[in-house]
Amino acid sequence: MDTSAVLNVGLEAMLLAAKLSAPLLITALVVGFAVSLFQSVTQIQEATLSFVPKAIAVAVALLVCGHWMIQEAVNFTQTLFDKLPSLLGG
């Protein structure tokens, strides 16, 4: 297994991790910004007001995107297992 193959597999894994985490992180970012804006406008400084909506939104995003995320992870794993003999054999 040469270094370019190792780097290629590592790059694919990092891209997959970024793809899989993006929907949840973007959802948390948008909801967090909206709640912060609401707190700034109304001057309500309650800690649970910022946590609970984010947690609910991330859970909904996970329900919506969960099937796609699992499918992407399974496809990556199957592709990696298919490439394994050629990676080890040279």
N, C-alpha and C. Protein backbone atom coordinates (compact mmCIF):
# COMPACT_ATOMS: atom_id res chain seq x y z
N MET A 1 0.86 -1.18 0.00
CA MET A 1 0.00 0.00 0.00
C MET A 1 0.90 1.23 0.00
N ASP A 2 0.82 2.01 -1.06
CA ASP A 2 1.68 3.18 -1.16
C ASP A 2 1.03 4.40 -0.49
N THR A 3 1.82 5.45 -0.38
CA THR A 3 1.36 6.63 0.37
C THR A 3 0.21 7.35 -0.33
N SER A 4 0.19 7.33 -1.66
CA SER A 4 -0.90 8.02 -2.35
C SER A 4 -2.23 7.33 -2.10
N ALA A 5 -2.23 6.01 -1.99
CA ALA A 5 -3.47 5.29 -1.69
C ALA A 5 -3.95 5.60 -0.28
N VAL A 6 -3.02 5.67 0.66
CA VAL A 6 -3.38 5.99 2.04
C VAL A 6 -3.94 7.41 2.11
N LEU A 7 -3.30 8.34 1.42
CA LEU A 7 -3.78 9.72 1.41
C LEU A 7 -5.15 9.82 0.75
N ASN A 8 -5.37 9.05 -0.31
CA ASN A 8 -6.65 9.08 -1.01
C ASN A 8 -7.77 8.56 -0.11
N VAL A 9 -7.52 7.46 0.58
CA VAL A 9 -8.53 6.90 1.49
C VAL A 9 -8.79 7.89 2.64
N GLY A 10 -7.74 8.48 3.18
CA GLY A 10 -7.91 9.46 4.24
C GLY A 10 -8.70 10.68 3.79
N LEU A 11 -8.42 11.15 2.58
CA LEU A 11 -9.15 12.30 2.04
C LEU A 11 -10.62 11.96 1.84
N GLU A 12 -10.90 10.78 1.30
CA GLU A 12 -12.29 10.37 1.13
C GLU A 12 -13.01 10.26 2.47
N ALA A 13 -12.33 9.75 3.48
CA ALA A 13 -12.94 9.64 4.81
C ALA A 13 -13.23 11.01 5.41
N MET A 14 -12.31 11.95 5.25
CA MET A 14 -12.54 13.30 5.79
C MET A 14 -13.66 14.02 5.03
N LEU A 15 -13.73 13.82 3.72
CA LEU A 15 -14.83 14.42 2.95
C LEU A 15 -16.17 13.83 3.36
N LEU A 16 -16.19 12.52 3.60
CA LEU A 16 -17.42 11.89 4.06
C LEU A 16 -17.84 12.43 5.42
N ALA A 17 -16.89 12.58 6.33
CA ALA A 17 -17.20 13.13 7.65
C ALA A 17 -17.76 14.54 7.54
N ALA A 18 -17.19 15.34 6.66
CA ALA A 18 -17.69 16.71 6.46
C ALA A 18 -19.10 16.70 5.86
N LYS A 19 -19.32 15.80 4.88
CA LYS A 19 -20.64 15.70 4.26
C LYS A 19 -21.70 15.24 5.26
N LEU A 20 -21.34 14.30 6.11
CA LEU A 20 -22.32 13.77 7.05
C LEU A 20 -22.62 14.73 8.20
N SER A 21 -21.65 15.52 8.59
CA SER A 21 -21.88 16.44 9.71
C SER A 21 -22.48 17.77 9.27
N ALA A 22 -22.41 18.09 8.00
CA ALA A 22 -22.88 19.39 7.52
C ALA A 22 -24.36 19.67 7.81
N PRO A 23 -25.29 18.75 7.52
CA PRO A 23 -26.70 19.10 7.79
C PRO A 23 -26.98 19.40 9.26
N LEU A 24 -26.38 18.64 10.15
CA LEU A 24 -26.62 18.86 11.58
C LEU A 24 -25.97 20.15 12.06
N LEU A 25 -24.75 20.40 11.61
CA LEU A 25 -24.05 21.61 12.04
C LEU A 25 -24.70 22.87 11.49
N ILE A 26 -25.13 22.82 10.24
CA ILE A 26 -25.78 24.00 9.64
C ILE A 26 -27.12 24.26 10.32
N THR A 27 -27.85 23.19 10.64
CA THR A 27 -29.11 23.36 11.36
C THR A 27 -28.88 24.00 12.72
N ALA A 28 -27.90 23.50 13.46
CA ALA A 28 -27.59 24.08 14.77
C ALA A 28 -27.15 25.54 14.64
N LEU A 29 -26.39 25.85 13.59
CA LEU A 29 -25.93 27.23 13.38
C LEU A 29 -27.10 28.17 13.10
N VAL A 30 -28.00 27.76 12.22
CA VAL A 30 -29.12 28.62 11.85
C VAL A 30 -30.06 28.82 13.03
N VAL A 31 -30.39 27.74 13.73
CA VAL A 31 -31.29 27.87 14.88
C VAL A 31 -30.62 28.67 16.00
N GLY A 32 -29.34 28.44 16.23
CA GLY A 32 -28.63 29.21 17.24
C GLY A 32 -28.60 30.69 16.93
N PHE A 33 -28.40 31.01 15.66
CA PHE A 33 -28.40 32.42 15.26
C PHE A 33 -29.78 33.03 15.45
N ALA A 34 -30.83 32.30 15.06
CA ALA A 34 -32.19 32.82 15.21
C ALA A 34 -32.54 33.03 16.68
N VAL A 35 -32.17 32.09 17.53
CA VAL A 35 -32.46 32.23 18.96
C VAL A 35 -31.65 33.38 19.56
N SER A 36 -30.40 33.52 19.15
CA SER A 36 -29.59 34.64 19.65
C SER A 36 -30.17 35.98 19.22
N LEU A 37 -30.63 36.03 17.99
CA LEU A 37 -31.26 37.26 17.51
C LEU A 37 -32.52 37.56 18.31
N PHE A 38 -33.32 36.53 18.56
CA PHE A 38 -34.54 36.70 19.37
C PHE A 38 -34.19 37.16 20.78
N GLN A 39 -33.15 36.57 21.37
CA GLN A 39 -32.75 36.97 22.71
C GLN A 39 -32.23 38.41 22.73
N SER A 40 -31.55 38.82 21.69
CA SER A 40 -31.05 40.19 21.64
C SER A 40 -32.19 41.20 21.51
N VAL A 41 -33.17 40.85 20.71
CA VAL A 41 -34.29 41.77 20.50
C VAL A 41 -35.15 41.87 21.75
N THR A 42 -35.42 40.75 22.39
CA THR A 42 -36.33 40.76 23.54
C THR A 42 -35.60 40.92 24.88
N GLN A 43 -34.30 40.86 24.87
CA GLN A 43 -33.45 40.97 26.07
C GLN A 43 -33.78 39.89 27.10
N ILE A 44 -34.15 38.72 26.62
CA ILE A 44 -34.36 37.56 27.49
C ILE A 44 -33.06 36.76 27.48
N GLN A 45 -32.46 36.60 28.63
CA GLN A 45 -31.19 35.88 28.72
C GLN A 45 -31.38 34.58 29.51
N GLU A 46 -32.04 33.64 28.92
CA GLU A 46 -32.31 32.35 29.55
C GLU A 46 -31.46 31.30 28.84
N ALA A 47 -30.71 30.49 29.61
CA ALA A 47 -29.80 29.51 29.01
C ALA A 47 -30.56 28.39 28.30
N THR A 48 -31.67 27.97 28.86
CA THR A 48 -32.42 26.88 28.23
C THR A 48 -33.07 27.32 26.93
N LEU A 49 -33.30 28.61 26.79
CA LEU A 49 -33.91 29.11 25.56
C LEU A 49 -32.98 28.92 24.37
N SER A 50 -31.69 28.90 24.59
CA SER A 50 -30.76 28.69 23.48
C SER A 50 -30.48 27.21 23.24
N PHE A 51 -30.61 26.37 24.27
CA PHE A 51 -30.25 24.96 24.13
C PHE A 51 -31.39 24.10 23.59
N VAL A 52 -32.58 24.26 24.13
CA VAL A 52 -33.69 23.39 23.78
C VAL A 52 -34.08 23.49 22.30
N PRO A 53 -34.25 24.68 21.73
CA PRO A 53 -34.59 24.73 20.30
C PRO A 53 -33.51 24.12 19.40
N LYS A 54 -32.23 24.32 19.77
CA LYS A 54 -31.15 23.72 18.98
C LYS A 54 -31.21 22.21 19.06
N ALA A 55 -31.43 21.67 20.24
CA ALA A 55 -31.50 20.22 20.41
C ALA A 55 -32.67 19.63 19.62
N ILE A 56 -33.81 20.30 19.66
CA ILE A 56 -34.97 19.82 18.91
C ILE A 56 -34.72 19.90 17.41
N ALA A 57 -34.13 21.00 16.95
CA ALA A 57 -33.87 21.17 15.52
C ALA A 57 -32.85 20.15 15.02
N VAL A 58 -31.82 19.88 15.79
CA VAL A 58 -30.83 18.89 15.39
C VAL A 58 -31.45 17.50 15.37
N ALA A 59 -32.34 17.20 16.31
CA ALA A 59 -33.03 15.91 16.31
C ALA A 59 -33.91 15.76 15.07
N VAL A 60 -34.60 16.83 14.69
CA VAL A 60 -35.43 16.79 13.49
C VAL A 60 -34.56 16.63 12.24
N ALA A 61 -33.44 17.35 12.20
CA ALA A 61 -32.53 17.22 11.06
C ALA A 61 -31.96 15.81 10.97
N LEU A 62 -31.70 15.20 12.11
CA LEU A 62 -31.21 13.82 12.13
C LEU A 62 -32.28 12.86 11.63
N LEU A 63 -33.53 13.11 12.00
CA LEU A 63 -34.62 12.27 11.49
C LEU A 63 -34.79 12.42 9.99
N VAL A 64 -34.65 13.64 9.50
CA VAL A 64 -34.83 13.90 8.07
C VAL A 64 -33.66 13.36 7.26
N CYS A 65 -32.45 13.58 7.72
CA CYS A 65 -31.25 13.22 6.96
C CYS A 65 -30.63 11.89 7.37
N GLY A 66 -31.17 11.24 8.38
CA GLY A 66 -30.55 10.04 8.91
C GLY A 66 -30.40 8.92 7.89
N HIS A 67 -31.43 8.69 7.09
CA HIS A 67 -31.37 7.62 6.10
C HIS A 67 -30.26 7.90 5.08
N TRP A 68 -30.20 9.13 4.63
CA TRP A 68 -29.15 9.49 3.66
C TRP A 68 -27.76 9.35 4.28
N MET A 69 -27.62 9.75 5.53
CA MET A 69 -26.32 9.66 6.20
C MET A 69 -25.87 8.20 6.34
N ILE A 70 -26.78 7.34 6.73
CA ILE A 70 -26.43 5.92 6.86
C ILE A 70 -26.08 5.34 5.50
N GLN A 71 -26.84 5.70 4.48
CA GLN A 71 -26.58 5.18 3.13
C GLN A 71 -25.21 5.62 2.64
N GLU A 72 -24.83 6.86 2.89
CA GLU A 72 -23.51 7.34 2.48
C GLU A 72 -22.40 6.60 3.21
N ALA A 73 -22.58 6.37 4.51
CA ALA A 73 -21.57 5.65 5.27
C ALA A 73 -21.44 4.21 4.81
N VAL A 74 -22.56 3.57 4.50
CA VAL A 74 -22.53 2.19 4.02
C VAL A 74 -21.87 2.12 2.64
N ASN A 75 -22.19 3.06 1.77
CA ASN A 75 -21.57 3.09 0.44
C ASN A 75 -20.06 3.27 0.54
N PHE A 76 -19.62 4.16 1.42
CA PHE A 76 -18.18 4.37 1.60
C PHE A 76 -17.51 3.10 2.11
N THR A 77 -18.15 2.45 3.07
CA THR A 77 -17.57 1.23 3.64
C THR A 77 -17.51 0.12 2.60
N GLN A 78 -18.57 -0.04 1.82
CA GLN A 78 -18.57 -1.06 0.78
C GLN A 78 -17.51 -0.78 -0.27
N THR A 79 -17.37 0.47 -0.65
CA THR A 79 -16.34 0.83 -1.63
C THR A 79 -14.95 0.57 -1.07
N LEU A 80 -14.75 0.89 0.19
CA LEU A 80 -13.46 0.65 0.81
C LEU A 80 -13.15 -0.84 0.88
N PHE A 81 -14.14 -1.66 1.24
CA PHE A 81 -13.93 -3.11 1.28
C PHE A 81 -13.69 -3.68 -0.12
N ASP A 82 -14.34 -3.10 -1.13
CA ASP A 82 -14.10 -3.55 -2.50
C ASP A 82 -12.68 -3.21 -2.96
N LYS A 83 -12.17 -2.06 -2.52
CA LYS A 83 -10.82 -1.63 -2.89
C LYS A 83 -9.72 -2.32 -2.09
N LEU A 84 -10.08 -2.94 -0.98
CA LEU A 84 -9.09 -3.49 -0.05
C LEU A 84 -8.10 -4.46 -0.70
N PRO A 85 -8.53 -5.41 -1.52
CA PRO A 85 -7.53 -6.30 -2.13
C PRO A 85 -6.53 -5.58 -3.02
N SER A 86 -7.02 -4.61 -3.79
CA SER A 86 -6.10 -3.88 -4.65
C SER A 86 -5.18 -2.95 -3.85
N LEU A 87 -5.68 -2.43 -2.73
CA LEU A 87 -4.84 -1.59 -1.89
C LEU A 87 -3.74 -2.39 -1.21
N LEU A 88 -4.07 -3.58 -0.76
CA LEU A 88 -3.07 -4.41 -0.08
C LEU A 88 -2.15 -5.12 -1.05
N GLY A 89 -2.67 -5.48 -2.23
CA GLY A 89 -1.87 -6.21 -3.20
C GLY A 89 -0.94 -5.34 -4.02
N GLY A 90 -1.21 -4.09 -4.06
CA GLY A 90 -0.33 -3.19 -4.82
C GLY A 90 -0.96 -2.76 -6.02
